[in-house]
Amino acid sequence: MSEVVSWVLHLNVREGHLGSLKTLMVEMIESTRNEKGAQAYERERFLGCLEPTAFYVYGSPNGEVRKILDGFGAKYLGELGGFMR
């Protein structure tokens, strides 16, 4: 079993927040451009501009990770014969 966990998050831009989102995206890209291994962004501002519509998780996250992802309504799609489905 692989320890790799990945996800696909579907989002809609909240009404009236496109300008804020564009500003945030520039800031996020600039602040992480030279950070090796950067994986986190400003979640509160991000979700203030975007509304999650679907969240698919591939792999087998541990219980601690699942607890966090469950808060986003994650749907888990595990491995099948070594392949992600």
Protein backbone atom coordinates (compact mmCIF):
# COMPACT_ATOMS: atom_id res chain seq x y z
CA MET A 1 0.00 0.00 0.00
CA SER A 2 1.33 3.43 -0.95
CA GLU A 3 1.70 6.22 1.61
CA VAL A 4 0.87 8.78 -1.08
CA VAL A 5 -2.25 10.83 -0.43
CA SER A 6 -3.50 13.33 -2.98
CA TRP A 7 -6.72 15.21 -3.55
CA VAL A 8 -8.81 17.13 -6.01
CA LEU A 9 -10.81 20.06 -4.69
CA HIS A 10 -13.60 21.56 -6.80
CA LEU A 11 -14.35 25.21 -6.03
CA ASN A 12 -16.61 28.06 -7.11
CA VAL A 13 -15.59 31.69 -6.76
CA ARG A 14 -17.89 33.35 -4.25
CA GLU A 15 -19.97 36.16 -5.71
CA GLY A 16 -18.14 39.48 -5.52
CA HIS A 17 -14.81 37.90 -4.55
CA LEU A 18 -13.03 37.51 -7.90
CA GLY A 19 -10.84 40.59 -7.33
CA SER A 20 -9.90 39.43 -3.83
CA LEU A 21 -9.10 35.97 -5.17
CA LYS A 22 -6.82 37.37 -7.87
CA THR A 23 -4.95 39.45 -5.27
CA LEU A 24 -4.66 36.47 -2.94
CA MET A 25 -3.37 34.19 -5.69
CA VAL A 26 -0.58 36.64 -6.59
CA GLU A 27 0.41 36.87 -2.90
CA MET A 28 0.35 33.09 -2.45
CA ILE A 29 2.45 32.44 -5.54
CA GLU A 30 5.01 35.11 -4.66
CA SER A 31 5.34 34.00 -1.03
CA THR A 32 5.88 30.32 -1.91
CA ARG A 33 7.83 30.62 -5.16
CA ASN A 34 11.20 30.09 -3.47
CA GLU A 35 10.10 27.94 -0.55
CA LYS A 36 11.21 24.37 -1.14
CA GLY A 37 8.43 21.96 -0.14
CA ALA A 38 5.82 24.67 0.51
CA GLN A 39 2.44 23.00 0.95
CA ALA A 40 0.22 25.37 2.90
CA TYR A 41 -1.55 28.57 2.02
CA GLU A 42 -3.76 31.03 3.87
CA ARG A 43 -6.77 28.77 4.24
CA GLU A 44 -9.14 31.30 5.80
CA ARG A 45 -8.63 33.92 3.08
CA PHE A 46 -8.69 31.20 0.42
CA LEU A 47 -12.02 29.80 1.59
CA GLY A 48 -13.38 33.31 2.05
CA CYS A 49 -13.07 33.76 -1.73
CA LEU A 50 -13.92 30.22 -2.80
CA GLU A 51 -16.72 27.81 -1.98
CA PRO A 52 -15.83 24.09 -2.04
CA THR A 53 -18.28 22.04 -4.11
CA ALA A 54 -16.56 18.62 -4.04
CA PHE A 55 -13.46 17.16 -2.38
CA TYR A 56 -12.01 13.80 -3.48
CA VAL A 57 -9.14 12.20 -1.58
CA TYR A 58 -7.04 9.43 -3.13
CA GLY A 59 -4.97 7.05 -1.02
CA SER A 60 -5.19 6.03 2.62
CA PRO A 61 -4.68 8.96 4.98
CA ASN A 62 -4.20 8.14 8.65
CA GLY A 63 -6.84 8.90 11.26
CA GLU A 64 -5.37 12.29 12.20
CA VAL A 65 -5.38 13.45 8.58
CA ARG A 66 -8.86 12.02 7.93
CA LYS A 67 -10.21 13.99 10.89
CA ILE A 68 -8.98 17.22 9.28
CA LEU A 69 -10.17 16.29 5.78
CA ASP A 70 -13.58 15.20 7.06
CA GLY A 71 -14.19 18.82 8.04
CA PHE A 72 -14.15 19.64 4.32
CA GLY A 73 -16.63 16.90 3.39
CA ALA A 74 -13.98 14.65 1.84
CA LYS A 75 -15.02 11.62 -0.19
CA TYR A 76 -12.34 8.92 0.02
CA LEU A 77 -11.30 6.91 -3.01
CA GLY A 78 -8.65 4.37 -2.05
CA GLU A 79 -6.25 2.26 -4.04
CA LEU A 80 -7.17 -0.73 -6.13
CA GLY A 81 -4.41 -3.19 -7.03
CA GLY A 82 -1.74 -0.51 -6.57
CA PHE A 83 -3.57 2.02 -8.71
CA MET A 84 -5.48 5.04 -7.52
CA ARG A 85 -9.09 5.07 -8.66
